[in-house]
Each structure stands twice: as C-alpha cells, then as structure tokens.
C-alpha cells in the first residue's frame, strides 16, 4: 500500500472483498484500488504493532493493530487502528475476503 502497487493489491484482495472501514461504510476492492490509483488515498508509512493469525483449514483470521501515516482526499487520516481480516485459500493462494477496521480514539 505504501508503494501503491496496484498489481500486488489486486492479488492480495479477492475480487469479492468487502470491508467495513472506520467510518462504518462498506468499501469494495474496486473503490480501494481506484483511490490508490488516483492518489486520493496515500499511505506514507505504517508500523504493525501486533498481529495474531488463526488458521482453520482453508480459512484464517488475522487480527492486529497498526500505526499509520496517511492522507485521504488531501486530508490527514493518520492514527492508530485495530483491524481484522478474514482470508481464504483459493486456488492454492491466500486472499483477503473480508475486513473490518476501526481507529483507536
């Protein structure tokens, strides 16, 4: 995300990926990739503070916290966030299928 590598992000997120962002709105893969392509969403730096992974066959949950330096639509959006991803092994590759994130107040 820092490099805005659209091809890599396209591989990480499943085509049917949906997230509930910090604002409570649903976000799709198409909208995330579009925002990175246009420069509306810029992640300048991040540090993963913690991460826990649990694998259940072809499904895994990933929970963690991260500190980000970023801007969205030209406005500062940095902070500490907690998040959870649901990944599924499809055609031999892990992809993120659902996400949830919230800014720590």
N, C-alpha and C. Protein backbone atom coordinates (compact mmCIF):
# COMPACT_ATOMS: atom_id res chain seq x y z
N UNK A 1 0.82 -1.20 0.00
CA UNK A 1 0.00 0.00 0.00
C UNK A 1 0.86 1.26 0.00
N UNK A 2 2.00 1.23 0.69
CA UNK A 2 2.89 2.39 0.69
C UNK A 2 3.38 2.65 -0.72
N UNK A 3 3.72 1.59 -1.45
CA UNK A 3 4.20 1.73 -2.83
C UNK A 3 3.06 1.93 -3.83
N UNK A 4 1.80 1.81 -3.36
CA UNK A 4 0.62 1.89 -4.23
C UNK A 4 0.76 0.92 -5.39
N UNK A 5 1.23 -0.29 -5.10
CA UNK A 5 1.42 -1.34 -6.11
C UNK A 5 0.06 -2.00 -6.39
N UNK A 6 -0.62 -1.48 -7.37
CA UNK A 6 -1.99 -1.92 -7.70
C UNK A 6 -2.02 -3.39 -8.08
N UNK A 7 -1.03 -3.86 -8.83
CA UNK A 7 -0.99 -5.27 -9.23
C UNK A 7 -0.90 -6.18 -8.00
N UNK A 8 -0.07 -5.82 -7.03
CA UNK A 8 0.09 -6.63 -5.81
C UNK A 8 -1.19 -6.57 -4.97
N UNK A 9 -1.75 -5.38 -4.82
CA UNK A 9 -3.00 -5.25 -4.06
C UNK A 9 -4.12 -6.07 -4.71
N UNK A 10 -4.15 -6.10 -6.02
CA UNK A 10 -5.14 -6.88 -6.77
C UNK A 10 -5.01 -8.37 -6.46
N UNK A 11 -3.80 -8.83 -6.17
CA UNK A 11 -3.56 -10.24 -5.83
C UNK A 11 -3.92 -10.54 -4.37
N UNK A 12 -3.73 -9.57 -3.49
CA UNK A 12 -3.97 -9.77 -2.06
C UNK A 12 -5.46 -9.81 -1.74
N UNK A 13 -6.22 -8.90 -2.34
CA UNK A 13 -7.65 -8.81 -2.07
C UNK A 13 -8.43 -9.61 -3.09
N UNK A 14 -9.36 -10.46 -2.60
CA UNK A 14 -10.23 -11.23 -3.50
C UNK A 14 -11.13 -10.26 -4.26
N UNK A 15 -11.58 -10.68 -5.44
CA UNK A 15 -12.46 -9.82 -6.23
C UNK A 15 -13.74 -9.47 -5.49
N UNK A 16 -14.21 -10.37 -4.60
CA UNK A 16 -15.44 -10.12 -3.84
C UNK A 16 -15.16 -9.55 -2.45
N UNK A 17 -13.94 -9.01 -2.23
CA UNK A 17 -13.57 -8.44 -0.94
C UNK A 17 -14.45 -7.25 -0.59
N UNK A 18 -14.85 -7.19 0.67
CA UNK A 18 -15.61 -6.06 1.20
C UNK A 18 -15.06 -5.78 2.59
N UNK A 19 -15.00 -4.51 2.93
CA UNK A 19 -14.54 -4.10 4.25
C UNK A 19 -15.54 -3.13 4.86
N UNK A 20 -15.58 -3.11 6.18
CA UNK A 20 -16.26 -2.05 6.90
C UNK A 20 -15.16 -1.19 7.47
N UNK A 21 -15.06 0.03 6.98
CA UNK A 21 -13.99 0.92 7.40
C UNK A 21 -14.30 1.63 8.70
N UNK A 22 -13.37 2.46 9.13
CA UNK A 22 -13.51 3.20 10.39
C UNK A 22 -14.75 4.08 10.42
N UNK A 23 -15.19 4.51 9.24
CA UNK A 23 -16.38 5.37 9.17
C UNK A 23 -17.68 4.57 9.26
N UNK A 24 -17.57 3.24 9.18
CA UNK A 24 -18.76 2.39 9.20
C UNK A 24 -19.31 2.11 7.81
N UNK A 25 -18.70 2.69 6.79
CA UNK A 25 -19.16 2.49 5.41
C UNK A 25 -18.52 1.25 4.81
N UNK A 26 -19.26 0.60 3.90
CA UNK A 26 -18.72 -0.55 3.17
C UNK A 26 -17.76 -0.06 2.09
N UNK A 27 -16.66 -0.76 1.95
CA UNK A 27 -15.64 -0.43 0.97
C UNK A 27 -15.40 -1.68 0.12
N UNK A 28 -15.31 -1.52 -1.19
CA UNK A 28 -15.07 -2.65 -2.09
C UNK A 28 -13.63 -2.61 -2.61
N UNK A 29 -13.21 -3.72 -3.15
CA UNK A 29 -11.88 -3.80 -3.76
C UNK A 29 -11.73 -2.74 -4.85
N UNK A 30 -12.75 -2.63 -5.67
CA UNK A 30 -12.72 -1.67 -6.78
C UNK A 30 -12.49 -0.24 -6.27
N UNK A 31 -13.18 0.14 -5.19
CA UNK A 31 -13.03 1.50 -4.69
C UNK A 31 -11.65 1.73 -4.05
N UNK A 32 -11.13 0.72 -3.35
CA UNK A 32 -9.80 0.86 -2.75
C UNK A 32 -8.73 1.02 -3.84
N UNK A 33 -8.77 0.15 -4.85
CA UNK A 33 -7.78 0.24 -5.92
C UNK A 33 -7.90 1.56 -6.67
N UNK A 34 -9.12 2.01 -6.89
CA UNK A 34 -9.34 3.28 -7.58
C UNK A 34 -8.76 4.44 -6.79
N UNK A 35 -8.95 4.44 -5.46
CA UNK A 35 -8.43 5.51 -4.61
C UNK A 35 -6.91 5.52 -4.58
N UNK A 36 -6.28 4.35 -4.61
CA UNK A 36 -4.81 4.30 -4.65
C UNK A 36 -4.29 4.75 -6.01
N UNK A 37 -4.97 4.32 -7.09
CA UNK A 37 -4.56 4.72 -8.44
C UNK A 37 -4.62 6.23 -8.61
N UNK A 38 -5.68 6.84 -8.12
CA UNK A 38 -5.89 8.28 -8.31
C UNK A 38 -5.04 9.13 -7.37
N UNK A 39 -4.51 8.51 -6.31
CA UNK A 39 -3.74 9.26 -5.33
C UNK A 39 -4.62 9.86 -4.23
N UNK A 40 -5.93 9.58 -4.26
CA UNK A 40 -6.83 10.07 -3.21
C UNK A 40 -6.52 9.44 -1.87
N UNK A 41 -5.98 8.23 -1.88
CA UNK A 41 -5.59 7.54 -0.65
C UNK A 41 -4.09 7.32 -0.73
N UNK A 42 -3.35 7.89 0.20
CA UNK A 42 -1.89 7.75 0.23
C UNK A 42 -1.46 7.26 1.60
N UNK A 43 -0.86 6.08 1.62
CA UNK A 43 -0.28 5.55 2.85
C UNK A 43 1.22 5.82 2.76
N UNK A 44 1.70 6.71 3.61
CA UNK A 44 3.10 7.11 3.58
C UNK A 44 3.98 6.18 4.38
N UNK A 45 3.47 5.70 5.52
CA UNK A 45 4.24 4.80 6.39
C UNK A 45 3.29 4.09 7.33
N UNK A 46 3.72 2.91 7.79
CA UNK A 46 2.93 2.20 8.79
C UNK A 46 3.84 1.29 9.60
N UNK A 47 3.39 1.00 10.81
CA UNK A 47 4.10 0.08 11.69
C UNK A 47 3.06 -0.84 12.32
N UNK A 48 3.22 -2.14 12.08
CA UNK A 48 2.32 -3.11 12.68
C UNK A 48 2.74 -3.26 14.14
N UNK A 49 1.80 -3.02 15.05
CA UNK A 49 2.08 -3.08 16.48
C UNK A 49 1.89 -4.49 17.03
N UNK A 50 0.89 -5.17 16.52
CA UNK A 50 0.63 -6.55 16.94
C UNK A 50 -0.14 -7.25 15.84
N UNK A 51 -0.02 -8.58 15.81
CA UNK A 51 -0.77 -9.35 14.83
C UNK A 51 -0.92 -10.77 15.36
N UNK A 52 -2.13 -11.32 15.19
CA UNK A 52 -2.41 -12.69 15.60
C UNK A 52 -3.14 -13.38 14.46
N UNK A 53 -2.66 -14.57 14.10
CA UNK A 53 -3.25 -15.33 12.99
C UNK A 53 -3.74 -16.67 13.52
N UNK A 54 -4.95 -17.03 13.15
CA UNK A 54 -5.52 -18.34 13.47
C UNK A 54 -5.99 -18.97 12.16
N UNK A 55 -5.54 -20.18 11.88
CA UNK A 55 -5.90 -20.88 10.65
C UNK A 55 -6.87 -22.00 10.97
N UNK A 56 -7.96 -22.05 10.22
CA UNK A 56 -8.99 -23.07 10.37
C UNK A 56 -9.21 -23.70 9.00
N UNK A 57 -8.36 -24.66 8.63
CA UNK A 57 -8.47 -25.28 7.31
C UNK A 57 -8.12 -24.30 6.20
N UNK A 58 -9.10 -23.99 5.35
CA UNK A 58 -8.88 -23.06 4.23
C UNK A 58 -9.29 -21.63 4.56
N UNK A 59 -9.54 -21.36 5.84
CA UNK A 59 -9.94 -20.02 6.28
C UNK A 59 -9.02 -19.59 7.41
N UNK A 60 -8.71 -18.31 7.46
CA UNK A 60 -7.87 -17.79 8.55
C UNK A 60 -8.38 -16.43 8.98
N UNK A 61 -8.22 -16.15 10.27
CA UNK A 61 -8.49 -14.81 10.78
C UNK A 61 -7.15 -14.17 11.13
N UNK A 62 -7.04 -12.90 10.83
CA UNK A 62 -5.84 -12.14 11.13
C UNK A 62 -6.30 -10.88 11.86
N UNK A 63 -5.84 -10.69 13.10
CA UNK A 63 -6.20 -9.52 13.89
C UNK A 63 -4.93 -8.76 14.24
N UNK A 64 -5.04 -7.45 14.29
CA UNK A 64 -3.86 -6.70 14.67
C UNK A 64 -4.15 -5.24 14.92
N UNK A 65 -3.07 -4.53 15.21
CA UNK A 65 -3.14 -3.07 15.34
C UNK A 65 -1.99 -2.48 14.56
N UNK A 66 -2.20 -1.29 14.07
CA UNK A 66 -1.21 -0.65 13.22
C UNK A 66 -1.23 0.86 13.47
N UNK A 67 -0.07 1.48 13.36
CA UNK A 67 0.03 2.94 13.39
C UNK A 67 0.35 3.37 11.96
N UNK A 68 -0.47 4.27 11.43
CA UNK A 68 -0.33 4.69 10.03
C UNK A 68 -0.12 6.19 9.92
N UNK A 69 0.66 6.56 8.91
CA UNK A 69 0.76 7.96 8.48
C UNK A 69 0.16 7.99 7.08
N UNK A 70 -1.01 8.64 6.93
CA UNK A 70 -1.70 8.61 5.64
C UNK A 70 -2.57 9.83 5.46
N UNK A 71 -2.99 10.00 4.21
CA UNK A 71 -3.96 11.05 3.89
C UNK A 71 -5.02 10.46 2.97
N UNK A 72 -6.23 11.00 3.11
CA UNK A 72 -7.36 10.60 2.25
C UNK A 72 -8.01 11.86 1.73
N UNK A 73 -8.11 11.93 0.42
CA UNK A 73 -8.72 13.10 -0.23
C UNK A 73 -8.07 14.40 0.24
N UNK A 74 -6.74 14.36 0.41
CA UNK A 74 -5.99 15.54 0.79
C UNK A 74 -6.06 15.90 2.26
N UNK A 75 -6.75 15.09 3.06
CA UNK A 75 -6.88 15.37 4.49
C UNK A 75 -6.10 14.35 5.31
N UNK A 76 -5.51 14.82 6.38
CA UNK A 76 -4.77 13.95 7.29
C UNK A 76 -5.69 12.87 7.84
N UNK A 77 -5.24 11.61 7.78
CA UNK A 77 -6.04 10.48 8.28
C UNK A 77 -5.16 9.52 9.07
N UNK A 78 -4.07 10.03 9.61
CA UNK A 78 -3.12 9.20 10.35
C UNK A 78 -3.70 8.79 11.69
N UNK A 79 -3.11 7.75 12.28
CA UNK A 79 -3.52 7.35 13.62
C UNK A 79 -3.21 5.90 13.88
N UNK A 80 -3.75 5.42 14.99
CA UNK A 80 -3.62 4.01 15.35
C UNK A 80 -4.96 3.34 15.06
N UNK A 81 -4.88 2.15 14.46
CA UNK A 81 -6.07 1.42 14.07
C UNK A 81 -5.98 -0.02 14.55
N UNK A 82 -7.14 -0.62 14.80
CA UNK A 82 -7.23 -2.06 15.02
C UNK A 82 -7.99 -2.62 13.83
N UNK A 83 -7.68 -3.85 13.47
CA UNK A 83 -8.28 -4.42 12.27
C UNK A 83 -8.39 -5.93 12.39
N UNK A 84 -9.24 -6.48 11.54
CA UNK A 84 -9.38 -7.92 11.43
C UNK A 84 -9.66 -8.26 9.98
N UNK A 85 -8.90 -9.22 9.46
CA UNK A 85 -9.10 -9.72 8.10
C UNK A 85 -9.54 -11.17 8.17
N UNK A 86 -10.36 -11.56 7.23
CA UNK A 86 -10.74 -12.95 7.02
C UNK A 86 -10.14 -13.35 5.68
N UNK A 87 -9.29 -14.36 5.70
CA UNK A 87 -8.63 -14.82 4.47
C UNK A 87 -9.12 -16.22 4.13
N UNK A 88 -9.09 -16.52 2.85
CA UNK A 88 -9.49 -17.85 2.38
C UNK A 88 -8.46 -18.32 1.36
N UNK A 89 -8.14 -19.60 1.41
CA UNK A 89 -7.22 -20.18 0.44
C UNK A 89 -8.03 -20.56 -0.79
N UNK A 90 -7.73 -19.89 -1.90
CA UNK A 90 -8.42 -20.10 -3.17
C UNK A 90 -7.40 -20.43 -4.24
N UNK A 91 -7.61 -21.54 -4.90
CA UNK A 91 -6.70 -21.97 -5.98
C UNK A 91 -5.25 -21.98 -5.49
N UNK A 92 -5.06 -22.40 -4.23
CA UNK A 92 -3.71 -22.53 -3.69
C UNK A 92 -3.09 -21.25 -3.16
N UNK A 93 -3.83 -20.12 -3.19
CA UNK A 93 -3.30 -18.84 -2.72
C UNK A 93 -4.23 -18.25 -1.67
N UNK A 94 -3.63 -17.64 -0.63
CA UNK A 94 -4.42 -16.95 0.37
C UNK A 94 -4.81 -15.57 -0.14
N UNK A 95 -6.10 -15.23 -0.02
CA UNK A 95 -6.60 -13.91 -0.39
C UNK A 95 -7.49 -13.40 0.74
N UNK A 96 -7.50 -12.10 0.91
CA UNK A 96 -8.35 -11.48 1.93
C UNK A 96 -9.74 -11.31 1.32
N UNK A 97 -10.76 -11.83 2.05
CA UNK A 97 -12.12 -11.79 1.54
C UNK A 97 -13.02 -10.80 2.31
N UNK A 98 -12.69 -10.52 3.57
CA UNK A 98 -13.45 -9.58 4.38
C UNK A 98 -12.50 -8.89 5.35
N UNK A 99 -12.82 -7.64 5.67
CA UNK A 99 -12.01 -6.86 6.60
C UNK A 99 -12.90 -5.96 7.44
N UNK A 100 -12.35 -5.61 8.59
CA UNK A 100 -13.03 -4.66 9.48
C UNK A 100 -11.94 -3.87 10.16
N UNK A 101 -12.11 -2.56 10.22
CA UNK A 101 -11.10 -1.73 10.87
C UNK A 101 -11.74 -0.60 11.64
N UNK A 102 -11.03 -0.14 12.66
CA UNK A 102 -11.53 0.97 13.46
C UNK A 102 -10.37 1.78 13.99
N UNK A 103 -10.52 3.10 13.97
CA UNK A 103 -9.48 3.96 14.51
C UNK A 103 -9.59 3.97 16.02
N UNK A 104 -8.43 3.88 16.69
CA UNK A 104 -8.38 3.92 18.14
C UNK A 104 -8.46 5.38 18.56
N UNK A 105 -9.38 5.68 19.43
CA UNK A 105 -9.58 7.08 19.87
C UNK A 105 -8.73 7.39 21.06
